[in-house]
Amino acid sequence: MRDDEMLAQELSSALGRFHQVLRRAAVHRAGREMLPGAQIELLRLVEERPGANVKEAAEALRMAANTVSTLVGELVDAGLLARTRAPEDRRTVRLDLTPAARERLAEYAASRRALVADALATLDPEARRDLSRAAPHLRHLAALIADAGIER
């Protein structure tokens, strides 16, 4: 395997595991039930784009509209999403987070930050510097993947 392929494999594996462990630990720390990943993605999208409709959400998430519609129904039933009719076109339904969803997302973000901060505090200064230097590169790598049309 070439060096770039080995690095890609190592990063994919490490970041995937990091995300999985962090997600589970943050949910546990917040004392909440874990939502399926697709529901979290939809909530985050609506947080970024309040008032999005199902079609827009489906396109952004690269999911079928009927799948997003099912997710919307589940999240409305759970009290995390609100549907409202668009004033400009009463046939269009707009999506917004409920106060409960905003609170849940904020708790989850705070739990993630605290977990990462606690873990970072146990690392030696050189490791923390390396991670600090890597963070902008990881954000750039994510942007390159997104720009390639692989992500939203």
C-alpha atoms as a PDB file:
ATOM      1  CA  MET A   1       0.000   0.000   0.000  1.00  0.00           C
ATOM      2  CA  ARG A   2       1.280   3.498  -0.853  1.00  0.00           C
ATOM      3  CA  ASP A   3       2.016   6.019   1.917  1.00  0.00           C
ATOM      4  CA  ASP A   4      -1.051   8.147   1.026  1.00  0.00           C
ATOM      5  CA  GLU A   5      -3.285   5.069   1.060  1.00  0.00           C
ATOM      6  CA  MET A   6      -1.874   3.987   4.418  1.00  0.00           C
ATOM      7  CA  LEU A   7      -2.421   7.475   5.848  1.00  0.00           C
ATOM      8  CA  ALA A   8      -5.958   7.545   4.455  1.00  0.00           C
ATOM      9  CA  GLN A   9      -6.670   4.169   6.074  1.00  0.00           C
ATOM     10  CA  GLU A  10      -5.146   5.240   9.393  1.00  0.00           C
ATOM     11  CA  LEU A  11      -7.038   8.546   9.478  1.00  0.00           C
ATOM     12  CA  SER A  12     -10.325   6.939   8.434  1.00  0.00           C
ATOM     13  CA  SER A  13      -9.991   4.304  11.120  1.00  0.00           C
ATOM     14  CA  ALA A  14      -8.853   6.653  13.889  1.00  0.00           C
ATOM     15  CA  LEU A  15     -11.426   9.366  13.157  1.00  0.00           C
ATOM     16  CA  GLY A  16     -14.234   6.844  12.771  1.00  0.00           C
ATOM     17  CA  ARG A  17     -13.399   5.279  16.132  1.00  0.00           C
ATOM     18  CA  PHE A  18     -12.985   8.728  17.733  1.00  0.00           C
ATOM     19  CA  HIS A  19     -16.421   9.789  16.499  1.00  0.00           C
ATOM     20  CA  GLN A  20     -18.056   6.549  17.665  1.00  0.00           C
ATOM     21  CA  VAL A  21     -16.524   6.647  21.160  1.00  0.00           C
ATOM     22  CA  LEU A  22     -17.140  10.372  21.594  1.00  0.00           C
ATOM     23  CA  ARG A  23     -20.760  10.128  20.479  1.00  0.00           C
ATOM     24  CA  ARG A  24     -21.583   7.282  22.853  1.00  0.00           C
ATOM     25  CA  ALA A  25     -19.711   8.816  25.798  1.00  0.00           C
ATOM     26  CA  ALA A  26     -21.303  12.245  25.254  1.00  0.00           C
ATOM     27  CA  VAL A  27     -24.809  10.792  25.136  1.00  0.00           C
ATOM     28  CA  HIS A  28     -24.109   8.788  28.295  1.00  0.00           C
ATOM     29  CA  ARG A  29     -22.619  11.831  30.057  1.00  0.00           C
ATOM     30  CA  ALA A  30     -25.645  13.958  29.091  1.00  0.00           C
ATOM     31  CA  GLY A  31     -27.903  11.245  30.513  1.00  0.00           C
ATOM     32  CA  ARG A  32     -29.928  10.950  27.337  1.00  0.00           C
ATOM     33  CA  GLU A  33     -31.054   8.133  25.094  1.00  0.00           C
ATOM     34  CA  MET A  34     -28.933   7.891  21.947  1.00  0.00           C
ATOM     35  CA  LEU A  35     -30.745   9.012  18.822  1.00  0.00           C
ATOM     36  CA  PRO A  36     -29.985   7.258  15.540  1.00  0.00           C
ATOM     37  CA  GLY A  37     -27.279   8.961  13.499  1.00  0.00           C
ATOM     38  CA  ALA A  38     -29.683   9.933  10.717  1.00  0.00           C
ATOM     39  CA  GLN A  39     -31.925  11.766  13.201  1.00  0.00           C
ATOM     40  CA  ILE A  40     -28.935  13.637  14.636  1.00  0.00           C
ATOM     41  CA  GLU A  41     -27.849  14.600  11.104  1.00  0.00           C
ATOM     42  CA  LEU A  42     -31.311  15.967  10.360  1.00  0.00           C
ATOM     43  CA  LEU A  43     -31.438  17.909  13.637  1.00  0.00           C
ATOM     44  CA  ARG A  44     -28.027  19.425  12.943  1.00  0.00           C
ATOM     45  CA  LEU A  45     -29.067  20.350   9.427  1.00  0.00           C
ATOM     46  CA  VAL A  46     -32.201  22.100  10.697  1.00  0.00           C
ATOM     47  CA  GLU A  47     -30.071  23.825  13.338  1.00  0.00           C
ATOM     48  CA  GLU A  48     -27.839  25.148  10.529  1.00  0.00           C
ATOM     49  CA  ARG A  49     -30.738  25.879   8.165  1.00  0.00           C
ATOM     50  CA  PRO A  50     -33.860  26.782  10.140  1.00  0.00           C
ATOM     51  CA  GLY A  51     -36.974  26.635   7.995  1.00  0.00           C
ATOM     52  CA  ALA A  52     -35.609  24.068   5.543  1.00  0.00           C
ATOM     53  CA  ASN A  53     -38.244  21.883   3.947  1.00  0.00           C
ATOM     54  CA  VAL A  54     -38.131  18.105   3.516  1.00  0.00           C
ATOM     55  CA  LYS A  55     -36.929  18.304  -0.077  1.00  0.00           C
ATOM     56  CA  GLU A  56     -34.091  20.681   0.817  1.00  0.00           C
ATOM     57  CA  ALA A  57     -33.104  18.509   3.771  1.00  0.00           C
ATOM     58  CA  ALA A  58     -33.135  15.373   1.625  1.00  0.00           C
ATOM     59  CA  GLU A  59     -30.894  16.989  -0.982  1.00  0.00           C
ATOM     60  CA  ALA A  60     -28.472  18.327   1.629  1.00  0.00           C
ATOM     61  CA  LEU A  61     -28.276  14.983   3.428  1.00  0.00           C
ATOM     62  CA  ARG A  62     -28.224  12.988   0.178  1.00  0.00           C
ATOM     63  CA  MET A  63     -31.174  10.908   1.310  1.00  0.00           C
ATOM     64  CA  ALA A  64     -34.451  10.007  -0.306  1.00  0.00           C
ATOM     65  CA  ALA A  65     -37.254  12.470   0.469  1.00  0.00           C
ATOM     66  CA  ASN A  66     -39.431   9.678   1.874  1.00  0.00           C
ATOM     67  CA  THR A  67     -36.623   8.694   4.259  1.00  0.00           C
ATOM     68  CA  VAL A  68     -36.308  12.286   5.493  1.00  0.00           C
ATOM     69  CA  SER A  69     -40.082  12.508   5.773  1.00  0.00           C
ATOM     70  CA  THR A  70     -40.046   9.415   8.017  1.00  0.00           C
ATOM     71  CA  LEU A  71     -37.266  10.928  10.133  1.00  0.00           C
ATOM     72  CA  VAL A  72     -39.236  14.175  10.419  1.00  0.00           C
ATOM     73  CA  GLY A  73     -42.292  12.259  11.639  1.00  0.00           C
ATOM     74  CA  GLU A  74     -40.216  10.438  14.264  1.00  0.00           C
ATOM     75  CA  LEU A  75     -38.595  13.655  15.470  1.00  0.00           C
ATOM     76  CA  VAL A  76     -41.937  15.495  15.576  1.00  0.00           C
ATOM     77  CA  ASP A  77     -43.379  12.625  17.638  1.00  0.00           C
ATOM     78  CA  ALA A  78     -40.360  12.862  19.969  1.00  0.00           C
ATOM     79  CA  GLY A  79     -40.947  16.602  20.420  1.00  0.00           C
ATOM     80  CA  LEU A  80     -37.658  17.577  18.769  1.00  0.00           C
ATOM     81  CA  LEU A  81     -38.852  19.049  15.463  1.00  0.00           C
ATOM     82  CA  ALA A  82     -41.719  21.366  14.638  1.00  0.00           C
ATOM     83  CA  ARG A  83     -43.441  21.583  11.257  1.00  0.00           C
ATOM     84  CA  THR A  84     -44.994  24.850  10.158  1.00  0.00           C
ATOM     85  CA  ARG A  85     -46.653  25.887   6.913  1.00  0.00           C
ATOM     86  CA  ALA A  86     -44.674  28.357   4.834  1.00  0.00           C
ATOM     87  CA  PRO A  87     -46.592  31.637   4.600  1.00  0.00           C
ATOM     88  CA  GLU A  88     -45.583  32.108   0.950  1.00  0.00           C
ATOM     89  CA  ASP A  89     -46.865  28.637  -0.043  1.00  0.00           C
ATOM     90  CA  ARG A  90     -49.203  26.833   2.365  1.00  0.00           C
ATOM     91  CA  ARG A  91     -48.370  23.505   0.659  1.00  0.00           C
ATOM     92  CA  THR A  92     -44.760  23.772   1.841  1.00  0.00           C
ATOM     93  CA  VAL A  93     -43.829  22.625   5.330  1.00  0.00           C
ATOM     94  CA  ARG A  94     -40.863  24.256   7.050  1.00  0.00           C
ATOM     95  CA  LEU A  95     -38.847  22.512   9.754  1.00  0.00           C
ATOM     96  CA  ASP A  96     -37.580  24.074  12.964  1.00  0.00           C
ATOM     97  CA  LEU A  97     -36.011  22.781  16.143  1.00  0.00           C
ATOM     98  CA  THR A  98     -38.126  22.762  19.268  1.00  0.00           C
ATOM     99  CA  PRO A  99     -36.744  24.198  22.516  1.00  0.00           C
ATOM    100  CA  ALA A 100     -36.250  20.582  23.685  1.00  0.00           C
ATOM    101  CA  ALA A 101     -34.092  19.867  20.630  1.00  0.00           C
ATOM    102  CA  ARG A 102     -32.033  23.018  21.138  1.00  0.00           C
ATOM    103  CA  GLU A 103     -31.451  22.031  24.756  1.00  0.00           C
ATOM    104  CA  ARG A 104     -30.541  18.477  23.802  1.00  0.00           C
ATOM    105  CA  LEU A 105     -28.079  19.573  21.112  1.00  0.00           C
ATOM    106  CA  ALA A 106     -26.502  22.098  23.492  1.00  0.00           C
ATOM    107  CA  GLU A 107     -26.155  19.462  26.237  1.00  0.00           C
ATOM    108  CA  TYR A 108     -24.622  17.052  23.761  1.00  0.00           C
ATOM    109  CA  ALA A 109     -22.129  19.664  22.515  1.00  0.00           C
ATOM    110  CA  ALA A 110     -21.167  20.578  26.085  1.00  0.00           C
ATOM    111  CA  SER A 111     -20.693  16.909  26.953  1.00  0.00           C
ATOM    112  CA  ARG A 112     -18.482  16.375  23.913  1.00  0.00           C
ATOM    113  CA  ARG A 113     -16.355  19.434  24.725  1.00  0.00           C
ATOM    114  CA  ALA A 114     -15.929  18.334  28.347  1.00  0.00           C
ATOM    115  CA  LEU A 115     -14.976  14.787  27.380  1.00  0.00           C
ATOM    116  CA  VAL A 116     -12.396  15.968  24.870  1.00  0.00           C
ATOM    117  CA  ALA A 117     -11.010  18.569  27.297  1.00  0.00           C
ATOM    118  CA  ASP A 118     -10.706  15.957  30.048  1.00  0.00           C
ATOM    119  CA  ALA A 119      -8.909  13.535  27.717  1.00  0.00           C
ATOM    120  CA  LEU A 120      -6.628  16.268  26.356  1.00  0.00           C
ATOM    121  CA  ALA A 121      -5.612  17.185  29.898  1.00  0.00           C
ATOM    122  CA  THR A 122      -4.131  13.711  30.324  1.00  0.00           C
ATOM    123  CA  LEU A 123      -1.890  14.020  27.264  1.00  0.00           C
ATOM    124  CA  ASP A 124       1.638  15.335  27.348  1.00  0.00           C
ATOM    125  CA  PRO A 125       2.182  18.878  26.023  1.00  0.00           C
ATOM    126  CA  GLU A 126       3.763  17.654  22.774  1.00  0.00           C
ATOM    127  CA  ALA A 127       0.756  15.475  21.950  1.00  0.00           C
ATOM    128  CA  ARG A 128      -1.601  18.394  22.646  1.00  0.00           C
ATOM    129  CA  ARG A 129       0.471  20.655  20.375  1.00  0.00           C
ATOM    130  CA  ASP A 130       0.393  18.007  17.619  1.00  0.00           C
ATOM    131  CA  LEU A 131      -3.392  17.754  17.890  1.00  0.00           C
ATOM    132  CA  SER A 132      -3.716  21.530  17.909  1.00  0.00           C
ATOM    133  CA  ARG A 133      -1.645  21.738  14.739  1.00  0.00           C
ATOM    134  CA  ALA A 134      -3.640  18.914  13.124  1.00  0.00           C
ATOM    135  CA  ALA A 135      -7.100  20.409  13.796  1.00  0.00           C
ATOM    136  CA  PRO A 136      -7.046  23.017  10.977  1.00  0.00           C
ATOM    137  CA  HIS A 137      -5.771  20.381   8.558  1.00  0.00           C
ATOM    138  CA  LEU A 138      -8.576  18.006   9.515  1.00  0.00           C
ATOM    139  CA  ARG A 139     -11.132  20.791   8.953  1.00  0.00           C
ATOM    140  CA  HIS A 140      -9.551  21.490   5.564  1.00  0.00           C
ATOM    141  CA  LEU A 141      -9.594  17.784   4.701  1.00  0.00           C
ATOM    142  CA  ALA A 142     -13.315  17.672   5.578  1.00  0.00           C
ATOM    143  CA  ALA A 143     -13.941  20.701   3.349  1.00  0.00           C
ATOM    144  CA  LEU A 144     -12.111  19.036   0.451  1.00  0.00           C
ATOM    145  CA  ILE A 145     -14.246  15.931   0.825  1.00  0.00           C
ATOM    146  CA  ALA A 146     -17.405  18.037   1.037  1.00  0.00           C
ATOM    147  CA  ASP A 147     -16.362  20.052  -2.045  1.00  0.00           C
ATOM    148  CA  ALA A 148     -15.889  16.799  -3.949  1.00  0.00           C
ATOM    149  CA  GLY A 149     -19.617  16.228  -3.475  1.00  0.00           C
ATOM    150  CA  ILE A 150     -19.182  13.345  -1.076  1.00  0.00           C
ATOM    151  CA  GLU A 151     -20.737  15.224   1.820  1.00  0.00           C
ATOM    152  CA  ARG A 152     -23.627  17.698   1.931  1.00  0.00           C
END
